[in-house]
Amino acid sequence: MVTLTVSKRDTDNAPRTLREKGNIPAVVYGPKQEAMAISIPLKEFERVFRTAGESSVIELSGLGDTLQVLIHDVDHDPITSVPRHADFYAIEKGAKVEVAIPITFVGESPAVKAGANLVKVLHELEIKADAAHLPHDISIDVSALAAVGDRLHARDIMLPEGVELMIDPEEVVALVQEVVIEEEAPVVAEVDMAAIEVEKKGKEETAEGEAAPDSEKKEKE
């Protein structure tokens, strides 16, 4: 299990001051854990977050008793994407937790190899398990998708021992679709109505101008 060393934080310390020292503010809470403000070394947190993500249990040390937690939420700077705050959910020892585990698709679908499309409907799977049995991810073999229209449902996934599925077993996880080639619509030339009106008006004026001499001749007579 990954361990992260943290320290209690004085809430009077401004987050900006912590960040200038290479730390970020955070909070840990849970059913049996009163909310506690803590400080974490940024580089250490980034390393642990890359390894554990939000679905693996980690241990927080430096607070007296070691706490088993999940990274519940991370706030990133919108410009630099650097973490600037984190929430940790303290797990009650022996209790089961419900989390969304990332799905990893493995294998090769014969239908996709023949030119069809693999549509990944789900990218995470909601499960429930004891903290000690939480998998880091769930692997799904797509080699069973042999023809267009074949589907993999949540019930088809082989879950590790002690892990309980928390979504509808009939929910589609992945499917194979035929590649549809859209025909390009014929290009219709745009008609410039304004130009037509101008040209028509010009012809009318020309016609009137040519008729003018005859009118003048009759007046003289």
C-alpha atoms as a PDB file:
ATOM      1  CA  MET A   1       0.000   0.000   0.000  1.00  0.00           C
ATOM      2  CA  VAL A   2       1.284   3.468  -0.951  1.00  0.00           C
ATOM      3  CA  THR A   3       2.133   5.762   1.961  1.00  0.00           C
ATOM      4  CA  LEU A   4       1.944   9.559   1.974  1.00  0.00           C
ATOM      5  CA  THR A   5       3.497  11.607   4.769  1.00  0.00           C
ATOM      6  CA  VAL A   6       1.424  14.643   5.746  1.00  0.00           C
ATOM      7  CA  SER A   7       1.209  17.111   8.629  1.00  0.00           C
ATOM      8  CA  LYS A   8      -1.546  18.905  10.477  1.00  0.00           C
ATOM      9  CA  ARG A   9      -2.226  22.392   9.136  1.00  0.00           C
ATOM     10  CA  ASP A  10      -2.977  25.573  10.941  1.00  0.00           C
ATOM     11  CA  THR A  11      -6.003  26.979   9.139  1.00  0.00           C
ATOM     12  CA  ASP A  12      -4.618  30.472   9.743  1.00  0.00           C
ATOM     13  CA  ASN A  13      -1.859  29.739   7.240  1.00  0.00           C
ATOM     14  CA  ALA A  14      -2.833  31.053   3.824  1.00  0.00           C
ATOM     15  CA  PRO A  15      -2.838  28.455   1.010  1.00  0.00           C
ATOM     16  CA  ARG A  16      -0.564  30.756  -0.979  1.00  0.00           C
ATOM     17  CA  THR A  17       2.063  30.593   1.797  1.00  0.00           C
ATOM     18  CA  LEU A  18       1.906  26.778   1.772  1.00  0.00           C
ATOM     19  CA  ARG A  19       2.318  26.622  -1.994  1.00  0.00           C
ATOM     20  CA  GLU A  20       5.296  28.950  -1.881  1.00  0.00           C
ATOM     21  CA  LYS A  21       6.945  26.389   0.406  1.00  0.00           C
ATOM     22  CA  GLY A  22       6.201  23.510  -1.979  1.00  0.00           C
ATOM     23  CA  ASN A  23       3.110  22.210  -0.161  1.00  0.00           C
ATOM     24  CA  ILE A  24      -0.625  22.176  -0.884  1.00  0.00           C
ATOM     25  CA  PRO A  25      -3.539  22.395   1.559  1.00  0.00           C
ATOM     26  CA  ALA A  26      -5.827  19.384   1.976  1.00  0.00           C
ATOM     27  CA  VAL A  27      -8.508  17.971   4.247  1.00  0.00           C
ATOM     28  CA  VAL A  28      -9.219  14.438   5.479  1.00  0.00           C
ATOM     29  CA  TYR A  29     -12.653  13.321   6.708  1.00  0.00           C
ATOM     30  CA  GLY A  30     -14.844  10.231   6.954  1.00  0.00           C
ATOM     31  CA  PRO A  31     -17.633   8.424   8.859  1.00  0.00           C
ATOM     32  CA  LYS A  32     -15.437   7.996  11.918  1.00  0.00           C
ATOM     33  CA  GLN A  33     -12.958  10.787  11.170  1.00  0.00           C
ATOM     34  CA  GLU A  34     -13.620  14.400  12.082  1.00  0.00           C
ATOM     35  CA  ALA A  35     -12.593  16.776   9.318  1.00  0.00           C
ATOM     36  CA  MET A  36      -8.925  17.705   9.717  1.00  0.00           C
ATOM     37  CA  ALA A  37      -6.915  20.297   7.787  1.00  0.00           C
ATOM     38  CA  ILE A  38      -3.571  18.946   6.611  1.00  0.00           C
ATOM     39  CA  SER A  39      -0.590  19.977   4.500  1.00  0.00           C
ATOM     40  CA  ILE A  40       1.062  17.780   1.839  1.00  0.00           C
ATOM     41  CA  PRO A  41       4.352  18.123  -0.051  1.00  0.00           C
ATOM     42  CA  LEU A  42       3.257  18.802  -3.636  1.00  0.00           C
ATOM     43  CA  LYS A  43       5.866  16.615  -5.358  1.00  0.00           C
ATOM     44  CA  GLU A  44       5.106  13.698  -3.052  1.00  0.00           C
ATOM     45  CA  PHE A  45       1.378  14.042  -3.631  1.00  0.00           C
ATOM     46  CA  GLU A  46       1.815  14.130  -7.423  1.00  0.00           C
ATOM     47  CA  ARG A  47       3.859  10.907  -7.244  1.00  0.00           C
ATOM     48  CA  VAL A  48       1.235   9.144  -5.128  1.00  0.00           C
ATOM     49  CA  PHE A  49      -1.649  10.429  -7.244  1.00  0.00           C
ATOM     50  CA  ARG A  50      -0.036   9.076 -10.425  1.00  0.00           C
ATOM     51  CA  THR A  51       0.345   5.688  -8.751  1.00  0.00           C
ATOM     52  CA  ALA A  52      -2.888   5.350  -6.808  1.00  0.00           C
ATOM     53  CA  GLY A  53      -5.354   7.614  -8.599  1.00  0.00           C
ATOM     54  CA  GLU A  54      -8.759   7.920  -6.962  1.00  0.00           C
ATOM     55  CA  SER A  55      -9.467   4.195  -6.719  1.00  0.00           C
ATOM     56  CA  SER A  56      -6.601   2.808  -4.634  1.00  0.00           C
ATOM     57  CA  VAL A  57      -6.260   2.961  -0.874  1.00  0.00           C
ATOM     58  CA  ILE A  58      -3.277   4.884   0.466  1.00  0.00           C
ATOM     59  CA  GLU A  59      -2.004   5.394   3.992  1.00  0.00           C
ATOM     60  CA  LEU A  60      -1.536   8.816   5.544  1.00  0.00           C
ATOM     61  CA  SER A  61       1.239   8.976   8.117  1.00  0.00           C
ATOM     62  CA  GLY A  62       2.348  11.852  10.320  1.00  0.00           C
ATOM     63  CA  LEU A  63      -0.994  12.376  12.081  1.00  0.00           C
ATOM     64  CA  GLY A  64      -0.459   9.999  14.973  1.00  0.00           C
ATOM     65  CA  ASP A  65      -2.478   6.939  13.999  1.00  0.00           C
ATOM     66  CA  THR A  66      -2.025   5.857  10.384  1.00  0.00           C
ATOM     67  CA  LEU A  67      -5.153   6.494   8.316  1.00  0.00           C
ATOM     68  CA  GLN A  68      -6.292   4.493   5.311  1.00  0.00           C
ATOM     69  CA  VAL A  69      -7.834   6.870   2.790  1.00  0.00           C
ATOM     70  CA  LEU A  70      -8.985   7.324  -0.774  1.00  0.00           C
ATOM     71  CA  ILE A  71      -8.168  10.448  -2.764  1.00  0.00           C
ATOM     72  CA  HIS A  72     -11.697  11.795  -3.033  1.00  0.00           C
ATOM     73  CA  ASP A  73     -11.204  14.992  -5.010  1.00  0.00           C
ATOM     74  CA  VAL A  74      -8.336  17.055  -6.420  1.00  0.00           C
ATOM     75  CA  ASP A  75      -8.565  20.700  -7.456  1.00  0.00           C
ATOM     76  CA  HIS A  76      -6.155  21.634 -10.260  1.00  0.00           C
ATOM     77  CA  ASP A  77      -4.989  25.035 -11.383  1.00  0.00           C
ATOM     78  CA  PRO A  78      -6.965  25.768 -14.594  1.00  0.00           C
ATOM     79  CA  ILE A  79      -3.879  27.121 -16.369  1.00  0.00           C
ATOM     80  CA  THR A  80      -0.971  24.947 -15.164  1.00  0.00           C
ATOM     81  CA  SER A  81      -3.006  21.824 -14.171  1.00  0.00           C
ATOM     82  CA  VAL A  82      -0.885  21.611 -11.000  1.00  0.00           C
ATOM     83  CA  PRO A  83      -2.831  20.280  -7.967  1.00  0.00           C
ATOM     84  CA  ARG A  84      -3.687  23.054  -5.520  1.00  0.00           C
ATOM     85  CA  HIS A  85      -6.002  21.263  -3.049  1.00  0.00           C
ATOM     86  CA  ALA A  86      -7.009  17.678  -2.217  1.00  0.00           C
ATOM     87  CA  ASP A  87      -9.749  15.893  -0.263  1.00  0.00           C
ATOM     88  CA  PHE A  88      -9.102  12.526   1.399  1.00  0.00           C
ATOM     89  CA  TYR A  89     -11.866  10.149   2.497  1.00  0.00           C
ATOM     90  CA  ALA A  90     -10.888   8.144   5.576  1.00  0.00           C
ATOM     91  CA  ILE A  91     -12.027   4.520   5.368  1.00  0.00           C
ATOM     92  CA  GLU A  92     -13.397   2.751   8.392  1.00  0.00           C
ATOM     93  CA  LYS A  93     -11.241  -0.325   8.941  1.00  0.00           C
ATOM     94  CA  GLY A  94     -13.071  -3.502   7.978  1.00  0.00           C
ATOM     95  CA  ALA A  95     -15.864  -1.616   6.204  1.00  0.00           C
ATOM     96  CA  LYS A  96     -16.582  -1.933   2.496  1.00  0.00           C
ATOM     97  CA  VAL A  97     -16.261   1.078   0.229  1.00  0.00           C
ATOM     98  CA  GLU A  98     -17.903   1.888  -3.084  1.00  0.00           C
ATOM     99  CA  VAL A  99     -15.654   3.362  -5.772  1.00  0.00           C
ATOM    100  CA  ALA A 100     -15.436   3.762  -9.554  1.00  0.00           C
ATOM    101  CA  ILE A 101     -12.537   1.693 -10.892  1.00  0.00           C
ATOM    102  CA  PRO A 102     -10.934   2.500 -14.283  1.00  0.00           C
ATOM    103  CA  ILE A 103     -11.539  -0.057 -17.040  1.00  0.00           C
ATOM    104  CA  THR A 104      -8.608  -1.322 -19.115  1.00  0.00           C
ATOM    105  CA  PHE A 105      -9.532  -2.942 -22.441  1.00  0.00           C
ATOM    106  CA  VAL A 106      -7.199  -5.771 -23.468  1.00  0.00           C
ATOM    107  CA  GLY A 107      -7.053  -8.269 -26.312  1.00  0.00           C
ATOM    108  CA  GLU A 108      -8.076  -7.833 -29.947  1.00  0.00           C
ATOM    109  CA  SER A 109     -11.581  -8.141 -31.344  1.00  0.00           C
ATOM    110  CA  PRO A 110     -11.776 -10.183 -34.584  1.00  0.00           C
ATOM    111  CA  ALA A 111     -14.569  -7.894 -35.777  1.00  0.00           C
ATOM    112  CA  VAL A 112     -12.468  -4.793 -35.186  1.00  0.00           C
ATOM    113  CA  LYS A 113      -9.501  -6.449 -36.880  1.00  0.00           C
ATOM    114  CA  ALA A 114     -11.763  -6.972 -39.915  1.00  0.00           C
ATOM    115  CA  GLY A 115     -12.571  -3.259 -40.055  1.00  0.00           C
ATOM    116  CA  ALA A 116     -15.427  -2.646 -37.605  1.00  0.00           C
ATOM    117  CA  ASN A 117     -15.453  -0.077 -34.793  1.00  0.00           C
ATOM    118  CA  LEU A 118     -15.059  -0.844 -31.089  1.00  0.00           C
ATOM    119  CA  VAL A 119     -17.292   1.460 -29.047  1.00  0.00           C
ATOM    120  CA  LYS A 120     -16.208   1.779 -25.412  1.00  0.00           C
ATOM    121  CA  VAL A 121     -19.414   2.692 -23.616  1.00  0.00           C
ATOM    122  CA  LEU A 122     -18.009   2.682 -20.082  1.00  0.00           C
ATOM    123  CA  HIS A 123     -14.571   3.773 -18.934  1.00  0.00           C
ATOM    124  CA  GLU A 124     -15.123   3.156 -15.215  1.00  0.00           C
ATOM    125  CA  LEU A 125     -16.891   0.422 -13.288  1.00  0.00           C
ATOM    126  CA  GLU A 126     -18.646   1.047  -9.992  1.00  0.00           C
ATOM    127  CA  ILE A 127     -17.808  -1.661  -7.487  1.00  0.00           C
ATOM    128  CA  LYS A 128     -17.915  -2.315  -3.751  1.00  0.00           C
ATOM    129  CA  ALA A 129     -15.241  -4.121  -1.783  1.00  0.00           C
ATOM    130  CA  ASP A 130     -13.186  -4.208   1.366  1.00  0.00           C
ATOM    131  CA  ALA A 131     -10.394  -1.645   1.214  1.00  0.00           C
ATOM    132  CA  ALA A 132      -7.805  -4.422   1.209  1.00  0.00           C
ATOM    133  CA  HIS A 133      -9.359  -5.975  -1.924  1.00  0.00           C
ATOM    134  CA  LEU A 134      -9.874  -2.891  -4.059  1.00  0.00           C
ATOM    135  CA  PRO A 135      -8.262  -3.477  -7.479  1.00  0.00           C
ATOM    136  CA  HIS A 136      -6.355  -0.639  -9.135  1.00  0.00           C
ATOM    137  CA  ASP A 137      -8.239  -1.248 -12.387  1.00  0.00           C
ATOM    138  CA  ILE A 138     -10.511  -3.786 -14.088  1.00  0.00           C
ATOM    139  CA  SER A 139      -9.278  -5.582 -17.228  1.00  0.00           C
ATOM    140  CA  ILE A 140     -11.841  -6.506 -19.882  1.00  0.00           C
ATOM    141  CA  ASP A 141     -10.912  -8.832 -22.763  1.00  0.00           C
ATOM    142  CA  VAL A 142     -12.567  -7.737 -26.024  1.00  0.00           C
ATOM    143  CA  SER A 143     -11.408 -10.776 -28.026  1.00  0.00           C
ATOM    144  CA  ALA A 144     -14.879 -12.302 -27.515  1.00  0.00           C
ATOM    145  CA  LEU A 145     -16.380  -9.618 -29.770  1.00  0.00           C
ATOM    146  CA  ALA A 146     -16.265 -11.608 -33.000  1.00  0.00           C
ATOM    147  CA  ALA A 147     -18.980  -9.987 -35.117  1.00  0.00           C
ATOM    148  CA  VAL A 148     -20.694  -6.661 -35.731  1.00  0.00           C
ATOM    149  CA  GLY A 149     -23.393  -6.226 -33.093  1.00  0.00           C
ATOM    150  CA  ASP A 150     -21.613  -8.262 -30.402  1.00  0.00           C
ATOM    151  CA  ARG A 151     -21.685  -6.698 -26.932  1.00  0.00           C
ATOM    152  CA  LEU A 152     -20.002  -7.066 -23.583  1.00  0.00           C
ATOM    153  CA  HIS A 153     -22.234  -6.487 -20.559  1.00  0.00           C
ATOM    154  CA  ALA A 154     -21.290  -5.736 -16.973  1.00  0.00           C
ATOM    155  CA  ARG A 155     -22.320  -9.306 -16.067  1.00  0.00           C
ATOM    156  CA  ASP A 156     -19.621 -10.669 -18.410  1.00  0.00           C
ATOM    157  CA  ILE A 157     -16.795  -9.123 -16.361  1.00  0.00           C
ATOM    158  CA  MET A 158     -14.806 -11.477 -14.151  1.00  0.00           C
ATOM    159  CA  LEU A 159     -14.413  -9.567 -10.894  1.00  0.00           C
ATOM    160  CA  PRO A 160     -11.752 -10.423  -8.291  1.00  0.00           C
ATOM    161  CA  GLU A 161     -12.831 -12.284  -5.175  1.00  0.00           C
ATOM    162  CA  GLY A 162     -14.550 -10.060  -2.644  1.00  0.00           C
ATOM    163  CA  VAL A 163     -15.508  -7.412  -5.246  1.00  0.00           C
ATOM    164  CA  GLU A 164     -19.207  -6.675  -5.809  1.00  0.00           C
ATOM    165  CA  LEU A 165     -20.678  -5.114  -8.963  1.00  0.00           C
ATOM    166  CA  MET A 166     -22.686  -1.959  -8.202  1.00  0.00           C
ATOM    167  CA  ILE A 167     -24.336  -1.277 -11.585  1.00  0.00           C
ATOM    168  CA  ASP A 168     -27.035  -3.048 -13.593  1.00  0.00           C
ATOM    169  CA  PRO A 169     -25.542  -6.372 -14.831  1.00  0.00           C
ATOM    170  CA  GLU A 170     -27.218  -5.775 -18.216  1.00  0.00           C
ATOM    171  CA  GLU A 171     -25.482  -2.435 -18.759  1.00  0.00           C
ATOM    172  CA  VAL A 172     -23.371  -2.452 -21.945  1.00  0.00           C
ATOM    173  CA  VAL A 173     -19.654  -1.936 -21.411  1.00  0.00           C
ATOM    174  CA  ALA A 174     -18.448  -2.233 -25.027  1.00  0.00           C
ATOM    175  CA  LEU A 175     -19.879  -3.139 -28.421  1.00  0.00           C
ATOM    176  CA  VAL A 176     -18.906  -3.531 -32.072  1.00  0.00           C
ATOM    177  CA  GLN A 177     -20.443  -1.347 -34.767  1.00  0.00           C
ATOM    178  CA  GLU A 178     -20.152  -1.396 -38.531  1.00  0.00           C
ATOM    179  CA  VAL A 179     -18.177   1.440 -40.050  1.00  0.00           C
ATOM    180  CA  VAL A 180     -20.580   3.790 -41.830  1.00  0.00           C
ATOM    181  CA  ILE A 181     -19.170   5.870 -44.676  1.00  0.00           C
ATOM    182  CA  GLU A 182     -21.183   9.014 -45.192  1.00  0.00           C
ATOM    183  CA  GLU A 183     -21.625  10.117 -48.805  1.00  0.00           C
ATOM    184  CA  GLU A 184     -20.838  13.742 -49.483  1.00  0.00           C
ATOM    185  CA  ALA A 185     -23.870  15.764 -50.492  1.00  0.00           C
ATOM    186  CA  PRO A 186     -23.662  17.247 -54.039  1.00  0.00           C
ATOM    187  CA  VAL A 187     -22.504  20.836 -54.124  1.00  0.00           C
ATOM    188  CA  VAL A 188     -25.295  23.149 -55.244  1.00  0.00           C
ATOM    189  CA  ALA A 189     -24.143  26.438 -56.730  1.00  0.00           C
ATOM    190  CA  GLU A 190     -25.474  29.394 -54.803  1.00  0.00           C
ATOM    191  CA  VAL A 191     -27.556  31.805 -56.860  1.00  0.00           C
ATOM    192  CA  ASP A 192     -26.837  35.489 -56.280  1.00  0.00           C
ATOM    193  CA  MET A 193     -30.364  36.920 -56.412  1.00  0.00           C
ATOM    194  CA  ALA A 194     -29.081  40.441 -55.843  1.00  0.00           C
ATOM    195  CA  ALA A 195     -26.926  40.215 -58.987  1.00  0.00           C
ATOM    196  CA  ILE A 196     -29.880  38.920 -60.995  1.00  0.00           C
ATOM    197  CA  GLU A 197     -32.063  41.828 -59.853  1.00  0.00           C
ATOM    198  CA  VAL A 198     -29.363  44.343 -60.778  1.00  0.00           C
ATOM    199  CA  GLU A 199     -28.908  42.787 -64.223  1.00  0.00           C
ATOM    200  CA  LYS A 200     -32.670  42.715 -64.845  1.00  0.00           C
ATOM    201  CA  LYS A 201     -32.999  46.345 -63.815  1.00  0.00           C
ATOM    202  CA  GLY A 202     -30.151  47.291 -66.164  1.00  0.00           C
ATOM    203  CA  LYS A 203     -31.867  45.607 -69.115  1.00  0.00           C
ATOM    204  CA  GLU A 204     -35.144  47.388 -68.380  1.00  0.00           C
ATOM    205  CA  GLU A 205     -33.410  50.776 -68.278  1.00  0.00           C
ATOM    206  CA  THR A 206     -31.659  50.008 -71.574  1.00  0.00           C
ATOM    207  CA  ALA A 207     -34.932  49.072 -73.218  1.00  0.00           C
ATOM    208  CA  GLU A 208     -36.565  52.294 -72.067  1.00  0.00           C
ATOM    209  CA  GLY A 209     -33.621  54.300 -73.374  1.00  0.00           C
ATOM    210  CA  GLU A 210     -33.893  52.732 -76.843  1.00  0.00           C
ATOM    211  CA  ALA A 211     -37.623  53.483 -76.998  1.00  0.00           C
ATOM    212  CA  ALA A 212     -37.161  57.154 -76.167  1.00  0.00           C
ATOM    213  CA  PRO A 213     -36.292  58.463 -79.766  1.00  0.00           C
ATOM    214  CA  ASP A 214     -39.559  57.111 -81.246  1.00  0.00           C
ATOM    215  CA  SER A 215     -41.584  58.913 -78.590  1.00  0.00           C
ATOM    216  CA  GLU A 216     -39.777  62.163 -79.249  1.00  0.00           C
ATOM    217  CA  LYS A 217     -40.346  61.769 -83.042  1.00  0.00           C
ATOM    218  CA  LYS A 218     -44.118  61.457 -82.572  1.00  0.00           C
ATOM    219  CA  GLU A 219     -44.155  64.562 -80.384  1.00  0.00           C
ATOM    220  CA  LYS A 220     -42.401  66.614 -83.139  1.00  0.00           C
ATOM    221  CA  GLU A 221     -44.876  65.453 -85.732  1.00  0.00           C
END
